[in-house]
Amino acid sequence: MKFFRSSSNRAAGAAVPAQKLSRRSSGMGEVSRLLNSQEGLCVLDIGSTSANNIRLFTGKGHKNYSEDLLRSSLDPALRVQDATGNTVVDSKKFLDENLVYSNAQFDIVLAWNLPDYMEESLVKPTIDRLWSVMKPGGFLLAFFHTRDAGPDSTCYRYHVTDSDMLEMQEVKFAPPGRPASEKQSPRLQRVFNNRHIETLFRDFSSIKFFLARDAIREVLVVR
């Protein structure tokens, strides 16, 4: 396990309706070095759809696939009752409908902050599926909040604007069962500590932690 100190920041730019911020990402910097060193890589972006990311990756000669997994996980059709009558998310149905790719297809997976906002029952099955669709030696980048973030932390969509710079835009969804007009930022589901993160990615060959200053812990794992 390795730790690195990045120079991340959340300084806001000019006030705009979209509430866009920017941050430097040491983890994205490492991913970008791979993107810039080869052509024809296969990239899977599982955040909210970003036209900017699609243009950037395809412009470098890579294949880009996008799936908005957080939005998909909120589908009311996935919610069932367990043996005790509690409402839970059907992880099998979720994976039958999402992340349906060939084994060892992707060189890079951008998971962003998905594990922090996804239903807990879906997190480990999703990471296991990502492991299977990644090539050996492939990179996966994920962001995890620290305990300093607070439960009301804003959920962001990340747009890559430079090799290690990200533009952040607030994500809002209607909660399951509510009208589409009642959009709100998804609530932080949990905070993983380092040991939890290591356990989550235990089947991967290596893991690096980048300690940022904005209550975010960047994690880069290698399949």
Protein backbone atom coordinates (compact mmCIF):
# COMPACT_ATOMS: atom_id res chain seq x y z
CA MET A 1 0.00 0.00 0.00
CA LYS A 2 1.37 3.40 -1.00
CA PHE A 3 0.34 6.88 0.06
CA PHE A 4 0.91 10.07 -1.94
CA ARG A 5 0.05 13.66 -1.16
CA SER A 6 -1.68 15.44 -4.03
CA SER A 7 -2.24 19.15 -4.46
CA SER A 8 -6.01 18.91 -4.89
CA ASN A 9 -8.27 21.90 -4.36
CA ARG A 10 -11.92 22.86 -4.66
CA ALA A 11 -11.54 26.51 -5.47
CA ALA A 12 -14.64 27.79 -7.20
CA GLY A 13 -14.31 29.72 -10.42
CA ALA A 14 -16.69 32.38 -11.66
CA ALA A 15 -20.23 31.89 -10.49
CA VAL A 16 -22.19 30.01 -13.15
CA PRO A 17 -25.62 28.37 -13.05
CA ALA A 18 -24.10 24.88 -13.43
CA GLN A 19 -22.08 25.36 -10.22
CA LYS A 20 -18.88 24.02 -11.72
CA LEU A 21 -15.73 23.68 -9.67
CA SER A 22 -12.32 22.29 -10.53
CA ARG A 23 -9.78 20.11 -8.77
CA ARG A 24 -6.39 18.65 -9.55
CA SER A 25 -6.32 14.85 -9.47
CA SER A 26 -3.08 12.94 -8.96
CA GLY A 27 -4.87 9.69 -9.75
CA MET A 28 -6.20 11.06 -13.04
CA GLY A 29 -2.69 12.25 -13.80
CA GLU A 30 -1.46 8.66 -13.69
CA VAL A 31 -4.38 7.46 -15.80
CA SER A 32 -3.67 10.22 -18.34
CA ARG A 33 -0.07 9.09 -18.71
CA LEU A 34 -1.39 5.71 -19.84
CA LEU A 35 -3.95 7.34 -22.13
CA ASN A 36 -1.25 9.50 -23.72
CA SER A 37 1.28 6.68 -24.15
CA GLN A 38 -0.86 4.34 -26.27
CA GLU A 39 -3.67 4.35 -28.78
CA GLY A 40 -6.62 2.01 -29.03
CA LEU A 41 -7.23 1.58 -25.31
CA CYS A 42 -10.70 0.63 -24.08
CA VAL A 43 -12.12 3.00 -21.44
CA LEU A 44 -15.22 2.46 -19.29
CA ASP A 45 -16.67 5.58 -17.62
CA ILE A 46 -19.36 4.68 -15.08
CA GLY A 47 -20.27 8.19 -13.96
CA SER A 48 -23.07 10.36 -15.32
CA THR A 49 -22.63 10.75 -19.06
CA SER A 50 -20.00 13.34 -19.99
CA ALA A 51 -19.84 14.47 -23.61
CA ASN A 52 -16.53 16.13 -22.76
CA ASN A 53 -14.97 12.84 -21.64
CA ILE A 54 -16.27 11.01 -24.70
CA ARG A 55 -14.72 13.63 -27.02
CA LEU A 56 -11.45 13.63 -25.11
CA PHE A 57 -10.95 9.85 -25.07
CA THR A 58 -12.11 9.19 -28.62
CA GLY A 59 -10.01 12.14 -29.81
CA LYS A 60 -6.95 10.35 -28.45
CA GLY A 61 -7.82 7.25 -30.46
CA HIS A 62 -9.43 5.24 -27.63
CA LYS A 63 -12.74 3.40 -27.44
CA ASN A 64 -15.08 4.89 -24.85
CA TYR A 65 -18.00 3.19 -23.14
CA SER A 66 -20.27 5.05 -20.70
CA GLU A 67 -22.79 3.76 -18.15
CA ASP A 68 -24.51 5.92 -15.54
CA LEU A 69 -24.50 3.21 -12.87
CA LEU A 70 -25.67 5.40 -10.01
CA ARG A 71 -28.79 6.44 -11.91
CA SER A 72 -29.39 2.84 -12.99
CA SER A 73 -29.10 1.64 -9.39
CA LEU A 74 -32.03 3.90 -8.42
CA ASP A 75 -34.45 2.12 -10.77
CA PRO A 76 -37.54 1.27 -8.66
CA ALA A 77 -37.86 -2.03 -10.56
CA LEU A 78 -34.71 -3.25 -8.79
CA ARG A 79 -36.24 -2.95 -5.33
CA VAL A 80 -37.63 -6.17 -3.86
CA GLN A 81 -38.51 -7.48 -0.41
CA ASP A 82 -36.18 -9.89 1.36
CA ALA A 83 -37.22 -12.79 3.60
CA THR A 84 -37.78 -10.45 6.55
CA GLY A 85 -39.92 -8.01 4.58
CA ASN A 86 -37.27 -5.32 4.22
CA THR A 87 -36.92 -3.50 0.90
CA VAL A 88 -33.56 -4.23 -0.74
CA VAL A 89 -31.99 -3.88 -4.16
CA ASP A 90 -31.78 -7.02 -6.30
CA SER A 91 -28.05 -7.14 -7.11
CA LYS A 92 -28.44 -10.05 -9.54
CA LYS A 93 -31.04 -8.20 -11.60
CA PHE A 94 -28.88 -5.09 -11.49
CA LEU A 95 -25.86 -6.93 -12.93
CA ASP A 96 -28.04 -8.77 -15.45
CA GLU A 97 -28.95 -5.35 -16.87
CA ASN A 98 -25.71 -3.40 -16.36
CA LEU A 99 -21.97 -3.87 -16.98
CA VAL A 100 -22.68 -6.59 -19.53
CA TYR A 101 -19.30 -6.81 -21.28
CA SER A 102 -16.79 -9.44 -22.28
CA ASN A 103 -14.18 -10.59 -19.79
CA ALA A 104 -10.91 -8.63 -19.91
CA GLN A 105 -12.34 -5.96 -22.21
CA PHE A 106 -11.22 -2.70 -20.54
CA ASP A 107 -7.82 -1.12 -20.00
CA ILE A 108 -9.18 1.71 -17.83
CA VAL A 109 -12.25 2.05 -15.60
CA LEU A 110 -13.26 5.43 -14.17
CA ALA A 111 -15.45 4.63 -11.19
CA TRP A 112 -15.25 8.16 -9.74
CA ASN A 113 -17.26 8.42 -6.48
CA LEU A 114 -19.72 5.62 -7.26
CA PRO A 115 -18.98 3.34 -4.25
CA ASP A 116 -19.78 6.13 -1.78
CA TYR A 117 -23.23 6.83 -3.22
CA MET A 118 -24.40 3.41 -4.39
CA GLU A 119 -26.57 1.11 -2.25
CA GLU A 120 -24.24 -0.91 -0.06
CA SER A 121 -25.55 -4.26 -1.30
CA LEU A 122 -24.47 -3.36 -4.84
CA VAL A 123 -20.93 -2.11 -4.15
CA LYS A 124 -19.00 -5.37 -3.79
CA PRO A 125 -20.85 -7.18 -6.64
CA THR A 126 -20.17 -4.18 -8.88
CA ILE A 127 -16.45 -4.12 -8.05
CA ASP A 128 -16.27 -7.88 -8.65
CA ARG A 129 -17.91 -7.44 -12.07
CA LEU A 130 -15.49 -4.62 -12.91
CA TRP A 131 -12.56 -6.89 -12.02
CA SER A 132 -13.83 -9.48 -14.49
CA VAL A 133 -14.29 -7.04 -17.39
CA MET A 134 -10.85 -5.41 -16.89
CA LYS A 135 -7.66 -6.56 -18.56
CA PRO A 136 -4.78 -7.74 -16.35
CA GLY A 137 -2.70 -4.64 -15.63
CA GLY A 138 -5.66 -2.35 -16.26
CA PHE A 139 -6.27 0.77 -14.11
CA LEU A 140 -9.34 1.61 -12.03
CA LEU A 141 -9.68 5.07 -10.48
CA ALA A 142 -12.15 5.74 -7.65
CA PHE A 143 -12.73 8.59 -5.19
CA PHE A 144 -13.73 7.99 -1.57
CA HIS A 145 -14.82 10.58 0.95
CA THR A 146 -13.05 10.87 4.29
CA ARG A 147 -14.93 11.33 7.55
CA ASP A 148 -14.37 15.07 7.23
CA ALA A 149 -16.71 15.18 4.24
CA GLY A 150 -20.00 14.99 6.18
CA PRO A 151 -23.24 13.21 5.17
CA ASP A 152 -24.50 16.15 3.13
CA SER A 153 -21.48 16.26 0.82
CA THR A 154 -22.34 17.17 -2.75
CA CYS A 155 -22.28 14.40 -5.33
CA TYR A 156 -20.30 15.47 -8.40
CA ARG A 157 -19.87 14.42 -11.99
CA TYR A 158 -16.24 14.65 -13.11
CA HIS A 159 -15.23 15.96 -16.53
CA VAL A 160 -11.59 15.55 -17.57
CA THR A 161 -10.30 18.89 -18.87
CA ASP A 162 -6.55 18.29 -18.80
CA SER A 163 -4.14 15.50 -17.93
CA ASP A 164 -4.71 15.95 -14.19
CA MET A 165 -7.49 18.53 -14.00
CA LEU A 166 -11.15 17.73 -13.46
CA GLU A 167 -14.21 19.93 -13.76
CA MET A 168 -16.85 19.06 -11.15
CA GLN A 169 -20.58 19.47 -11.72
CA GLU A 170 -23.26 18.67 -9.15
CA VAL A 171 -25.38 15.60 -9.89
CA LYS A 172 -29.07 15.56 -8.99
CA PHE A 173 -31.56 12.67 -9.27
CA ALA A 174 -35.13 12.12 -8.17
CA PRO A 175 -35.12 9.57 -5.30
CA PRO A 176 -36.73 6.18 -6.07
CA GLY A 177 -40.50 6.46 -6.18
CA ARG A 178 -40.51 10.28 -6.36
CA PRO A 179 -41.49 12.49 -9.34
CA ALA A 180 -38.71 13.46 -11.75
CA SER A 181 -39.23 17.11 -10.76
CA GLU A 182 -38.04 16.38 -7.20
CA LYS A 183 -34.36 16.14 -8.03
CA GLN A 184 -31.75 16.34 -5.29
CA SER A 185 -28.10 15.51 -4.83
CA PRO A 186 -27.70 11.82 -3.87
CA ARG A 187 -26.87 11.31 -0.23
CA LEU A 188 -23.51 9.93 0.83
CA GLN A 189 -24.27 6.34 1.85
CA ARG A 190 -21.16 5.57 3.90
CA VAL A 191 -17.51 6.45 4.47
CA PHE A 192 -14.95 3.73 3.75
CA ASN A 193 -11.76 3.69 5.78
CA ASN A 194 -8.48 2.44 4.30
CA ARG A 195 -9.00 -1.12 5.51
CA HIS A 196 -12.48 -1.26 3.98
CA ILE A 197 -11.12 0.00 0.67
CA GLU A 198 -8.32 -2.55 0.69
CA THR A 199 -10.87 -5.31 1.34
CA LEU A 200 -13.11 -4.03 -1.45
CA PHE A 201 -10.22 -4.27 -3.93
CA ARG A 202 -8.51 -7.32 -2.44
CA ASP A 203 -8.61 -9.25 -5.74
CA PHE A 204 -6.65 -6.53 -7.54
CA SER A 205 -2.88 -6.74 -7.80
CA SER A 206 -1.98 -3.35 -6.29
CA ILE A 207 -3.48 -0.22 -4.76
CA LYS A 208 -2.30 3.38 -4.30
CA PHE A 209 -3.87 6.05 -2.11
CA PHE A 210 -3.57 9.75 -2.97
CA LEU A 211 -4.43 11.99 -0.03
CA ALA A 212 -6.17 15.17 -1.17
CA ARG A 213 -7.12 18.30 0.77
CA ASP A 214 -10.81 18.35 -0.08
CA ALA A 215 -11.96 15.41 2.10
CA ILE A 216 -11.44 13.03 -0.84
CA ARG A 217 -9.16 9.99 -0.87
CA GLU A 218 -8.23 9.03 -4.44
CA VAL A 219 -7.59 5.34 -5.04
CA LEU A 220 -5.86 3.87 -8.08
CA VAL A 221 -5.93 0.09 -8.33
CA VAL A 222 -4.35 -2.21 -10.87
CA ARG A 223 -6.06 -5.36 -12.06
